[in-house]
């Protein structure tokens, strides 16, 4: 194998490993933006702008939108910040077993939480918040990206 061929395969292998982490970084920024907007609305008491689906304010003001008096958007913001930090570390340490496991675990917990929150919106609140929907889709995409990264780094390439 020539030096140029070896270098090309190392680069393409590296891109294959880091692309899922970069996708996770981008997705977490979307989640942070949505959570920040809703958190700002919770904090200031201003009504949210609800394009497409008109149910954001009903959901945000429902009794299900708080846990121990803390708005769910605050928890979402913390979740996405944690996932951002985890994805950033994965970009630099893609083969770390504990990071890989935590990415899948916490993304799975986030996806399960999103499923539960969507169940509450549809079953009990009877209104849907577009920002919650964006967060749910983002969380499921985060789970898929974490699994993608886990699969891409399952067996590291043999270095010769």
C-alpha atoms as a PDB file:
ATOM      1  CA  UNK A   1       0.000   0.000   0.000  1.00  0.00           C
ATOM      2  CA  UNK A   2       1.451   3.342  -0.985  1.00  0.00           C
ATOM      3  CA  UNK A   3       1.606   6.301   1.354  1.00  0.00           C
ATOM      4  CA  UNK A   4      -1.077   8.234  -0.594  1.00  0.00           C
ATOM      5  CA  UNK A   5      -3.473   5.277  -0.561  1.00  0.00           C
ATOM      6  CA  UNK A   6      -2.865   4.664   3.134  1.00  0.00           C
ATOM      7  CA  UNK A   7      -3.434   8.354   3.934  1.00  0.00           C
ATOM      8  CA  UNK A   8      -6.659   8.411   1.883  1.00  0.00           C
ATOM      9  CA  UNK A   9      -8.109   5.399   3.698  1.00  0.00           C
ATOM     10  CA  UNK A  10      -7.190   6.890   7.076  1.00  0.00           C
ATOM     11  CA  UNK A  11      -8.965  10.130   6.182  1.00  0.00           C
ATOM     12  CA  UNK A  12     -12.106   8.422   4.897  1.00  0.00           C
ATOM     13  CA  UNK A  13     -12.157   6.143   7.964  1.00  0.00           C
ATOM     14  CA  UNK A  14     -11.791   9.165  10.225  1.00  0.00           C
ATOM     15  CA  UNK A  15     -14.659  10.968   8.495  1.00  0.00           C
ATOM     16  CA  UNK A  16     -16.816   7.863   8.858  1.00  0.00           C
ATOM     17  CA  UNK A  17     -16.198   7.901  12.603  1.00  0.00           C
ATOM     18  CA  UNK A  18     -16.572  11.641  13.278  1.00  0.00           C
ATOM     19  CA  UNK A  19     -19.539  12.415  11.003  1.00  0.00           C
ATOM     20  CA  UNK A  20     -22.127  10.995  13.447  1.00  0.00           C
ATOM     21  CA  UNK A  21     -20.628  13.075  16.274  1.00  0.00           C
ATOM     22  CA  UNK A  22     -20.821  16.213  14.136  1.00  0.00           C
ATOM     23  CA  UNK A  23     -24.432  15.387  13.280  1.00  0.00           C
ATOM     24  CA  UNK A  24     -25.114  15.058  17.006  1.00  0.00           C
ATOM     25  CA  UNK A  25     -23.524  18.478  17.586  1.00  0.00           C
ATOM     26  CA  UNK A  26     -25.766  20.078  14.957  1.00  0.00           C
ATOM     27  CA  UNK A  27     -28.869  18.378  16.342  1.00  0.00           C
ATOM     28  CA  UNK A  28     -28.121  19.497  19.873  1.00  0.00           C
ATOM     29  CA  UNK A  29     -27.888  23.104  18.673  1.00  0.00           C
ATOM     30  CA  UNK A  30     -31.407  22.782  17.253  1.00  0.00           C
ATOM     31  CA  UNK A  31     -32.607  21.335  20.567  1.00  0.00           C
ATOM     32  CA  UNK A  32     -30.881  24.073  22.552  1.00  0.00           C
ATOM     33  CA  UNK A  33     -32.511  26.764  20.410  1.00  0.00           C
ATOM     34  CA  UNK A  34     -36.000  25.295  20.833  1.00  0.00           C
ATOM     35  CA  UNK A  35     -35.565  24.759  24.573  1.00  0.00           C
ATOM     36  CA  UNK A  36     -34.166  28.266  25.049  1.00  0.00           C
ATOM     37  CA  UNK A  37     -37.097  29.853  23.227  1.00  0.00           C
ATOM     38  CA  UNK A  38     -39.662  27.998  25.331  1.00  0.00           C
ATOM     39  CA  UNK A  39     -37.654  28.608  28.527  1.00  0.00           C
ATOM     40  CA  UNK A  40     -37.556  32.324  27.741  1.00  0.00           C
ATOM     41  CA  UNK A  41     -41.329  32.282  27.336  1.00  0.00           C
ATOM     42  CA  UNK A  42     -41.692  30.452  30.643  1.00  0.00           C
ATOM     43  CA  UNK A  43     -39.390  32.873  32.419  1.00  0.00           C
ATOM     44  CA  UNK A  44     -40.896  36.107  31.054  1.00  0.00           C
ATOM     45  CA  UNK A  45     -44.482  34.890  30.914  1.00  0.00           C
ATOM     46  CA  UNK A  46     -44.836  36.074  27.321  1.00  0.00           C
ATOM     47  CA  UNK A  47     -46.965  33.942  25.010  1.00  0.00           C
ATOM     48  CA  UNK A  48     -45.068  31.812  22.521  1.00  0.00           C
ATOM     49  CA  UNK A  49     -45.348  32.342  18.782  1.00  0.00           C
ATOM     50  CA  UNK A  50     -46.897  29.119  17.478  1.00  0.00           C
ATOM     51  CA  UNK A  51     -46.575  28.658  13.724  1.00  0.00           C
ATOM     52  CA  UNK A  52     -48.367  25.769  11.980  1.00  0.00           C
ATOM     53  CA  UNK A  53     -49.812  24.150  15.140  1.00  0.00           C
ATOM     54  CA  UNK A  54     -51.564  26.433  17.609  1.00  0.00           C
ATOM     55  CA  UNK A  55     -51.142  24.716  20.960  1.00  0.00           C
ATOM     56  CA  UNK A  56     -47.827  25.890  22.384  1.00  0.00           C
ATOM     57  CA  UNK A  57     -49.273  28.145  25.048  1.00  0.00           C
ATOM     58  CA  UNK A  58     -51.838  25.542  26.108  1.00  0.00           C
ATOM     59  CA  UNK A  59     -49.062  22.970  26.567  1.00  0.00           C
ATOM     60  CA  UNK A  60     -46.648  25.360  28.298  1.00  0.00           C
ATOM     61  CA  UNK A  61     -49.329  26.507  30.754  1.00  0.00           C
ATOM     62  CA  UNK A  62     -50.673  23.025  31.526  1.00  0.00           C
ATOM     63  CA  UNK A  63     -50.043  21.377  34.899  1.00  0.00           C
ATOM     64  CA  UNK A  64     -47.997  18.708  33.095  1.00  0.00           C
ATOM     65  CA  UNK A  65     -45.408  21.251  31.934  1.00  0.00           C
ATOM     66  CA  UNK A  66     -43.671  21.484  35.310  1.00  0.00           C
ATOM     67  CA  UNK A  67     -41.886  19.021  37.542  1.00  0.00           C
ATOM     68  CA  UNK A  68     -41.477  20.171  41.147  1.00  0.00           C
ATOM     69  CA  UNK A  69     -42.373  23.677  39.934  1.00  0.00           C
ATOM     70  CA  UNK A  70     -39.576  23.756  37.336  1.00  0.00           C
ATOM     71  CA  UNK A  71     -40.602  24.143  33.674  1.00  0.00           C
ATOM     72  CA  UNK A  72     -39.796  21.156  31.474  1.00  0.00           C
ATOM     73  CA  UNK A  73     -38.031  23.460  29.015  1.00  0.00           C
ATOM     74  CA  UNK A  74     -35.310  24.034  31.626  1.00  0.00           C
ATOM     75  CA  UNK A  75     -34.733  20.284  31.848  1.00  0.00           C
ATOM     76  CA  UNK A  76     -34.694  20.101  28.047  1.00  0.00           C
ATOM     77  CA  UNK A  77     -32.084  22.849  27.890  1.00  0.00           C
ATOM     78  CA  UNK A  78     -29.868  21.015  30.400  1.00  0.00           C
ATOM     79  CA  UNK A  79     -30.356  17.738  28.494  1.00  0.00           C
ATOM     80  CA  UNK A  80     -29.298  19.295  25.191  1.00  0.00           C
ATOM     81  CA  UNK A  81     -26.300  21.037  26.797  1.00  0.00           C
ATOM     82  CA  UNK A  82     -25.173  17.712  28.224  1.00  0.00           C
ATOM     83  CA  UNK A  83     -25.658  15.978  24.871  1.00  0.00           C
ATOM     84  CA  UNK A  84     -23.692  18.791  23.170  1.00  0.00           C
ATOM     85  CA  UNK A  85     -20.769  18.270  25.555  1.00  0.00           C
ATOM     86  CA  UNK A  86     -20.974  14.512  25.068  1.00  0.00           C
ATOM     87  CA  UNK A  87     -21.000  14.853  21.268  1.00  0.00           C
ATOM     88  CA  UNK A  88     -18.064  17.277  21.385  1.00  0.00           C
ATOM     89  CA  UNK A  89     -16.058  14.776  23.413  1.00  0.00           C
ATOM     90  CA  UNK A  90     -17.078  11.988  21.022  1.00  0.00           C
ATOM     91  CA  UNK A  91     -15.704  14.029  18.117  1.00  0.00           C
ATOM     92  CA  UNK A  92     -12.298  14.027  19.813  1.00  0.00           C
ATOM     93  CA  UNK A  93     -12.428  10.580  21.440  1.00  0.00           C
ATOM     94  CA  UNK A  94     -14.596   8.525  19.061  1.00  0.00           C
ATOM     95  CA  UNK A  95     -13.495   5.134  20.381  1.00  0.00           C
ATOM     96  CA  UNK A  96     -14.068   5.803  24.094  1.00  0.00           C
ATOM     97  CA  UNK A  97     -16.330   2.997  25.286  1.00  0.00           C
ATOM     98  CA  UNK A  98     -17.852   4.983  28.144  1.00  0.00           C
ATOM     99  CA  UNK A  99     -18.644   7.978  25.910  1.00  0.00           C
ATOM    100  CA  UNK A 100     -20.137   5.760  23.218  1.00  0.00           C
ATOM    101  CA  UNK A 101     -22.298   3.947  25.778  1.00  0.00           C
ATOM    102  CA  UNK A 102     -23.421   7.186  27.470  1.00  0.00           C
ATOM    103  CA  UNK A 103     -24.354   8.746  24.127  1.00  0.00           C
ATOM    104  CA  UNK A 104     -26.672   5.859  23.288  1.00  0.00           C
ATOM    105  CA  UNK A 105     -28.001   5.617  26.857  1.00  0.00           C
ATOM    106  CA  UNK A 106     -28.832   9.301  27.310  1.00  0.00           C
ATOM    107  CA  UNK A 107     -30.170   9.682  23.787  1.00  0.00           C
ATOM    108  CA  UNK A 108     -32.409   6.677  24.488  1.00  0.00           C
ATOM    109  CA  UNK A 109     -33.600   8.209  27.761  1.00  0.00           C
ATOM    110  CA  UNK A 110     -34.306  11.453  25.904  1.00  0.00           C
ATOM    111  CA  UNK A 111     -36.256   9.625  23.201  1.00  0.00           C
ATOM    112  CA  UNK A 112     -38.297   7.712  25.789  1.00  0.00           C
ATOM    113  CA  UNK A 113     -39.008  10.981  27.620  1.00  0.00           C
ATOM    114  CA  UNK A 114     -40.107  12.617  24.377  1.00  0.00           C
ATOM    115  CA  UNK A 115     -42.471   9.730  23.699  1.00  0.00           C
ATOM    116  CA  UNK A 116     -43.987  10.175  27.161  1.00  0.00           C
ATOM    117  CA  UNK A 117     -44.344  13.942  26.704  1.00  0.00           C
ATOM    118  CA  UNK A 118     -46.020  13.500  23.329  1.00  0.00           C
ATOM    119  CA  UNK A 119     -48.380  10.975  24.966  1.00  0.00           C
ATOM    120  CA  UNK A 120     -49.252  13.585  27.602  1.00  0.00           C
ATOM    121  CA  UNK A 121     -49.868  16.240  24.955  1.00  0.00           C
ATOM    122  CA  UNK A 122     -52.095  14.049  22.827  1.00  0.00           C
ATOM    123  CA  UNK A 123     -53.826  12.093  25.590  1.00  0.00           C
ATOM    124  CA  UNK A 124     -54.303  14.545  28.429  1.00  0.00           C
ATOM    125  CA  UNK A 125     -53.540  18.106  27.365  1.00  0.00           C
ATOM    126  CA  UNK A 126     -55.169  17.620  23.954  1.00  0.00           C
ATOM    127  CA  UNK A 127     -52.886  20.177  22.334  1.00  0.00           C
ATOM    128  CA  UNK A 128     -49.521  19.900  20.607  1.00  0.00           C
ATOM    129  CA  UNK A 129     -46.645  22.331  20.898  1.00  0.00           C
ATOM    130  CA  UNK A 130     -44.581  22.720  17.720  1.00  0.00           C
ATOM    131  CA  UNK A 131     -41.430  23.295  19.779  1.00  0.00           C
ATOM    132  CA  UNK A 132     -42.062  20.094  21.721  1.00  0.00           C
ATOM    133  CA  UNK A 133     -42.539  18.315  18.411  1.00  0.00           C
ATOM    134  CA  UNK A 134     -39.262  19.762  17.108  1.00  0.00           C
ATOM    135  CA  UNK A 135     -37.577  18.627  20.316  1.00  0.00           C
ATOM    136  CA  UNK A 136     -39.032  15.116  20.003  1.00  0.00           C
ATOM    137  CA  UNK A 137     -37.871  14.745  16.394  1.00  0.00           C
ATOM    138  CA  UNK A 138     -34.462  16.145  17.321  1.00  0.00           C
ATOM    139  CA  UNK A 139     -34.171  13.719  20.228  1.00  0.00           C
ATOM    140  CA  UNK A 140     -35.018  10.720  18.053  1.00  0.00           C
ATOM    141  CA  UNK A 141     -32.508  11.884  15.436  1.00  0.00           C
ATOM    142  CA  UNK A 142     -29.951  12.192  18.254  1.00  0.00           C
ATOM    143  CA  UNK A 143     -30.673   8.596  19.201  1.00  0.00           C
ATOM    144  CA  UNK A 144     -30.190   7.455  15.600  1.00  0.00           C
ATOM    145  CA  UNK A 145     -26.926   9.433  15.347  1.00  0.00           C
ATOM    146  CA  UNK A 146     -25.684   7.940  18.639  1.00  0.00           C
ATOM    147  CA  UNK A 147     -26.460   4.424  17.407  1.00  0.00           C
ATOM    148  CA  UNK A 148     -24.826   5.271  14.067  1.00  0.00           C
ATOM    149  CA  UNK A 149     -21.695   6.406  15.919  1.00  0.00           C
ATOM    150  CA  UNK A 150     -21.761   3.315  18.114  1.00  0.00           C
ATOM    151  CA  UNK A 151     -21.925   1.085  15.022  1.00  0.00           C
ATOM    152  CA  UNK A 152     -19.231   3.046  13.166  1.00  0.00           C
ATOM    153  CA  UNK A 153     -16.817   2.712  16.077  1.00  0.00           C
ATOM    154  CA  UNK A 154     -17.649  -0.862  17.057  1.00  0.00           C
ATOM    155  CA  UNK A 155     -14.423  -2.327  15.697  1.00  0.00           C
ATOM    156  CA  UNK A 156     -11.657   0.196  15.126  1.00  0.00           C
ATOM    157  CA  UNK A 157      -9.760  -0.024  11.855  1.00  0.00           C
ATOM    158  CA  UNK A 158      -6.543  -2.012  11.981  1.00  0.00           C
ATOM    159  CA  UNK A 159      -3.593   0.345  11.873  1.00  0.00           C
ATOM    160  CA  UNK A 160      -0.670  -0.886   9.800  1.00  0.00           C
END
